[in-house]
Amino acid sequence: MAESIRQELLDRVEKYKWIVFNIVDDTLPPFSYTVGLFKTFGHPEIIISGIEHKSAHVILNNIGNDIENNMIREPDTFYNDILDDYPCLFKTVTQSNYEEFLGRAITYYEGFDFPVLQCVWPDSERRFPDDRGYVTTIQEILYK
């Protein structure tokens, strides 16, 4: 069964260059992530947490399209072109979070040997999780 799932993932990435998975888990905020960006473009996969699936899917596909057009998203760098009126910050996801959050990517890559960046968004005052005064949002913090 796992091999047929992996083959389906391989086929879909070969056809579409990357896939976006929207994960529903009643114990976690909504989250979505890519599979295939690293294989296709050598760019880390991207995960975003705490944003409704439909919006997250669009955001991740837009990021994928930018990567396909040679835009590289660097860790610890702010970007103003992802969310309307809010900056985003990319942070390197720790491998200790892969198993809980990136199951299909682990299946696709047959292990943990792939990089992932979290697209982190600020609170309503534009403060990020590591900033003083940050008001906790529903996004999971996967880079600590």
C-alpha atoms as a PDB file:
ATOM      1  CA  MET A   1       0.000   0.000   0.000  1.00  0.00           C
ATOM      2  CA  ALA A   2       2.726   2.501   0.962  1.00  0.00           C
ATOM      3  CA  GLU A   3       4.506   1.806  -2.325  1.00  0.00           C
ATOM      4  CA  SER A   4       1.328   2.523  -4.323  1.00  0.00           C
ATOM      5  CA  ILE A   5       0.885   5.808  -2.415  1.00  0.00           C
ATOM      6  CA  ARG A   6       4.509   6.728  -3.124  1.00  0.00           C
ATOM      7  CA  GLN A   7       4.085   5.872  -6.805  1.00  0.00           C
ATOM      8  CA  GLU A   8       0.990   8.074  -6.971  1.00  0.00           C
ATOM      9  CA  LEU A   9       2.981  10.913  -5.384  1.00  0.00           C
ATOM     10  CA  LEU A  10       5.858  10.373  -7.825  1.00  0.00           C
ATOM     11  CA  ASP A  11       3.468  10.429 -10.781  1.00  0.00           C
ATOM     12  CA  ARG A  12       1.674  13.567  -9.592  1.00  0.00           C
ATOM     13  CA  VAL A  13       4.910  15.475  -8.927  1.00  0.00           C
ATOM     14  CA  GLU A  14       6.273  14.449 -12.314  1.00  0.00           C
ATOM     15  CA  LYS A  15       3.080  15.715 -13.975  1.00  0.00           C
ATOM     16  CA  TYR A  16       2.471  18.897 -11.924  1.00  0.00           C
ATOM     17  CA  LYS A  17       6.012  19.647 -10.526  1.00  0.00           C
ATOM     18  CA  TRP A  18       4.684  19.882  -6.952  1.00  0.00           C
ATOM     19  CA  ILE A  19       1.596  19.017  -4.912  1.00  0.00           C
ATOM     20  CA  VAL A  20      -0.104  20.895  -2.069  1.00  0.00           C
ATOM     21  CA  PHE A  21      -1.548  18.874   0.791  1.00  0.00           C
ATOM     22  CA  ASN A  22      -4.186  20.398   3.081  1.00  0.00           C
ATOM     23  CA  ILE A  23      -4.228  18.511   6.373  1.00  0.00           C
ATOM     24  CA  VAL A  24      -7.289  18.216   8.572  1.00  0.00           C
ATOM     25  CA  ASP A  25      -6.596  17.160  12.154  1.00  0.00           C
ATOM     26  CA  ASP A  26      -9.010  18.091  14.943  1.00  0.00           C
ATOM     27  CA  THR A  27      -6.126  18.379  17.411  1.00  0.00           C
ATOM     28  CA  LEU A  28      -4.136  20.910  15.336  1.00  0.00           C
ATOM     29  CA  PRO A  29      -4.744  24.204  13.561  1.00  0.00           C
ATOM     30  CA  PRO A  30      -5.197  23.811   9.790  1.00  0.00           C
ATOM     31  CA  PHE A  31      -1.948  23.407   7.910  1.00  0.00           C
ATOM     32  CA  SER A  32      -0.842  22.839   4.341  1.00  0.00           C
ATOM     33  CA  TYR A  33       2.451  21.953   2.729  1.00  0.00           C
ATOM     34  CA  THR A  34       4.127  21.245  -0.579  1.00  0.00           C
ATOM     35  CA  VAL A  35       5.684  18.051  -1.847  1.00  0.00           C
ATOM     36  CA  GLY A  36       7.958  18.171  -4.872  1.00  0.00           C
ATOM     37  CA  LEU A  37       9.571  21.616  -4.750  1.00  0.00           C
ATOM     38  CA  PHE A  38      12.846  20.120  -3.513  1.00  0.00           C
ATOM     39  CA  LYS A  39      12.882  17.323  -6.107  1.00  0.00           C
ATOM     40  CA  THR A  40      11.800  19.531  -9.017  1.00  0.00           C
ATOM     41  CA  PHE A  41      13.612  22.796  -8.261  1.00  0.00           C
ATOM     42  CA  GLY A  42      16.085  22.048  -5.449  1.00  0.00           C
ATOM     43  CA  HIS A  43      14.115  24.454  -3.245  1.00  0.00           C
ATOM     44  CA  PRO A  44      12.940  23.575   0.286  1.00  0.00           C
ATOM     45  CA  GLU A  45       9.358  22.433   0.654  1.00  0.00           C
ATOM     46  CA  ILE A  46       7.042  25.038   2.204  1.00  0.00           C
ATOM     47  CA  ILE A  47       4.556  24.590   5.059  1.00  0.00           C
ATOM     48  CA  ILE A  48       2.069  27.132   6.382  1.00  0.00           C
ATOM     49  CA  SER A  49      -0.030  26.725   9.528  1.00  0.00           C
ATOM     50  CA  GLY A  50      -3.125  28.399  10.922  1.00  0.00           C
ATOM     51  CA  ILE A  51      -4.543  29.620   7.615  1.00  0.00           C
ATOM     52  CA  GLU A  52      -7.766  28.231   6.153  1.00  0.00           C
ATOM     53  CA  HIS A  53      -7.017  25.499   3.600  1.00  0.00           C
ATOM     54  CA  LYS A  54      -8.385  27.220   0.508  1.00  0.00           C
ATOM     55  CA  SER A  55      -6.259  30.320   1.136  1.00  0.00           C
ATOM     56  CA  ALA A  56      -3.207  28.271   2.137  1.00  0.00           C
ATOM     57  CA  HIS A  57      -3.511  26.213  -1.057  1.00  0.00           C
ATOM     58  CA  VAL A  58      -3.492  29.386  -3.174  1.00  0.00           C
ATOM     59  CA  ILE A  59      -0.573  30.864  -1.198  1.00  0.00           C
ATOM     60  CA  LEU A  60       1.522  27.707  -1.579  1.00  0.00           C
ATOM     61  CA  ASN A  61       0.790  27.402  -5.285  1.00  0.00           C
ATOM     62  CA  ASN A  62       1.731  31.070  -5.751  1.00  0.00           C
ATOM     63  CA  ILE A  63       5.001  30.428  -3.909  1.00  0.00           C
ATOM     64  CA  GLY A  64       5.552  27.345  -6.089  1.00  0.00           C
ATOM     65  CA  ASN A  65       4.948  29.391  -9.237  1.00  0.00           C
ATOM     66  CA  ASP A  66       7.460  31.981  -8.030  1.00  0.00           C
ATOM     67  CA  ILE A  67      10.021  29.242  -7.357  1.00  0.00           C
ATOM     68  CA  GLU A  68       9.388  27.816 -10.824  1.00  0.00           C
ATOM     69  CA  ASN A  69      10.228  31.302 -12.127  1.00  0.00           C
ATOM     70  CA  ASN A  70      13.568  31.231 -10.257  1.00  0.00           C
ATOM     71  CA  MET A  71      12.560  33.115  -7.086  1.00  0.00           C
ATOM     72  CA  ILE A  72      14.292  31.631  -4.080  1.00  0.00           C
ATOM     73  CA  ARG A  73      12.762  31.962  -0.620  1.00  0.00           C
ATOM     74  CA  GLU A  74      15.545  32.276   1.937  1.00  0.00           C
ATOM     75  CA  PRO A  75      15.286  31.351   5.618  1.00  0.00           C
ATOM     76  CA  ASP A  76      15.198  34.209   8.134  1.00  0.00           C
ATOM     77  CA  THR A  77      14.140  36.629   5.416  1.00  0.00           C
ATOM     78  CA  PHE A  78      11.007  38.802   5.306  1.00  0.00           C
ATOM     79  CA  TYR A  79       8.849  38.914   2.179  1.00  0.00           C
ATOM     80  CA  ASN A  80       6.039  41.372   1.443  1.00  0.00           C
ATOM     81  CA  ASP A  81       4.662  39.644  -1.670  1.00  0.00           C
ATOM     82  CA  ILE A  82       2.870  36.655  -0.119  1.00  0.00           C
ATOM     83  CA  LEU A  83       0.055  37.898   2.130  1.00  0.00           C
ATOM     84  CA  ASP A  84      -1.956  41.014   1.369  1.00  0.00           C
ATOM     85  CA  ASP A  85      -0.813  43.837   3.640  1.00  0.00           C
ATOM     86  CA  TYR A  86       1.336  41.606   5.884  1.00  0.00           C
ATOM     87  CA  PRO A  87       4.952  40.483   5.678  1.00  0.00           C
ATOM     88  CA  CYS A  88       5.906  36.819   5.982  1.00  0.00           C
ATOM     89  CA  LEU A  89       9.051  35.273   7.351  1.00  0.00           C
ATOM     90  CA  PHE A  90      10.517  31.936   6.288  1.00  0.00           C
ATOM     91  CA  LYS A  91      12.070  29.772   9.000  1.00  0.00           C
ATOM     92  CA  THR A  92      13.766  26.378   8.704  1.00  0.00           C
ATOM     93  CA  VAL A  93      11.544  23.617  10.107  1.00  0.00           C
ATOM     94  CA  THR A  94      13.289  21.279  12.532  1.00  0.00           C
ATOM     95  CA  GLN A  95      13.336  17.627  11.497  1.00  0.00           C
ATOM     96  CA  SER A  96      11.798  16.664  14.838  1.00  0.00           C
ATOM     97  CA  ASN A  97       8.527  18.108  13.456  1.00  0.00           C
ATOM     98  CA  TYR A  98       8.600  16.234  10.138  1.00  0.00           C
ATOM     99  CA  GLU A  99       6.898  13.057  11.292  1.00  0.00           C
ATOM    100  CA  GLU A 100       3.892  14.806  12.848  1.00  0.00           C
ATOM    101  CA  PHE A 101       3.359  17.338  10.055  1.00  0.00           C
ATOM    102  CA  LEU A 102       4.910  16.090   6.797  1.00  0.00           C
ATOM    103  CA  GLY A 103       3.825  12.466   6.333  1.00  0.00           C
ATOM    104  CA  ARG A 104       3.317  12.537   2.564  1.00  0.00           C
ATOM    105  CA  ALA A 105       6.646  14.301   2.037  1.00  0.00           C
ATOM    106  CA  ILE A 106       8.390  11.603   4.113  1.00  0.00           C
ATOM    107  CA  THR A 107       6.712   8.947   1.959  1.00  0.00           C
ATOM    108  CA  TYR A 108       7.674  10.769  -1.236  1.00  0.00           C
ATOM    109  CA  TYR A 109      11.338  11.282  -0.257  1.00  0.00           C
ATOM    110  CA  GLU A 110      11.535   7.904   1.510  1.00  0.00           C
ATOM    111  CA  GLY A 111      12.836   9.511   4.672  1.00  0.00           C
ATOM    112  CA  PHE A 112      13.761  12.815   6.247  1.00  0.00           C
ATOM    113  CA  ASP A 113      16.441  13.993   3.804  1.00  0.00           C
ATOM    114  CA  PHE A 114      14.703  17.111   2.463  1.00  0.00           C
ATOM    115  CA  PRO A 115      14.578  20.711   3.706  1.00  0.00           C
ATOM    116  CA  VAL A 116      11.380  22.531   4.703  1.00  0.00           C
ATOM    117  CA  LEU A 117      10.697  26.207   5.336  1.00  0.00           C
ATOM    118  CA  GLN A 118       7.737  27.415   7.364  1.00  0.00           C
ATOM    119  CA  CYS A 119       5.988  30.488   6.006  1.00  0.00           C
ATOM    120  CA  VAL A 120       5.391  32.332   9.294  1.00  0.00           C
ATOM    121  CA  TRP A 121       2.904  35.186   9.492  1.00  0.00           C
ATOM    122  CA  PRO A 122       2.670  37.948  12.096  1.00  0.00           C
ATOM    123  CA  ASP A 123       0.020  38.861  14.639  1.00  0.00           C
ATOM    124  CA  SER A 124      -2.306  41.828  13.998  1.00  0.00           C
ATOM    125  CA  GLU A 125       0.427  44.230  15.172  1.00  0.00           C
ATOM    126  CA  ARG A 126       2.922  42.767  12.662  1.00  0.00           C
ATOM    127  CA  ARG A 127       4.970  41.054  15.368  1.00  0.00           C
ATOM    128  CA  PHE A 128       6.415  37.615  14.726  1.00  0.00           C
ATOM    129  CA  PRO A 129       6.614  34.707  17.190  1.00  0.00           C
ATOM    130  CA  ASP A 130      10.148  35.627  18.311  1.00  0.00           C
ATOM    131  CA  ASP A 131       9.298  39.337  18.788  1.00  0.00           C
ATOM    132  CA  ARG A 132       8.593  40.892  22.178  1.00  0.00           C
ATOM    133  CA  GLY A 133       4.862  41.391  22.672  1.00  0.00           C
ATOM    134  CA  TYR A 134       3.835  38.814  20.051  1.00  0.00           C
ATOM    135  CA  VAL A 135       0.232  37.750  20.578  1.00  0.00           C
ATOM    136  CA  THR A 136      -0.078  34.006  20.041  1.00  0.00           C
ATOM    137  CA  THR A 137      -1.938  33.086  16.870  1.00  0.00           C
ATOM    138  CA  ILE A 138      -3.268  29.690  15.833  1.00  0.00           C
ATOM    139  CA  GLN A 139      -0.215  28.838  13.745  1.00  0.00           C
ATOM    140  CA  GLU A 140       2.015  26.011  14.943  1.00  0.00           C
ATOM    141  CA  ILE A 141       5.654  27.040  15.375  1.00  0.00           C
ATOM    142  CA  LEU A 142       7.689  24.319  13.682  1.00  0.00           C
ATOM    143  CA  TYR A 143      11.140  25.855  13.623  1.00  0.00           C
ATOM    144  CA  LYS A 144      12.058  25.574  17.313  1.00  0.00           C
END
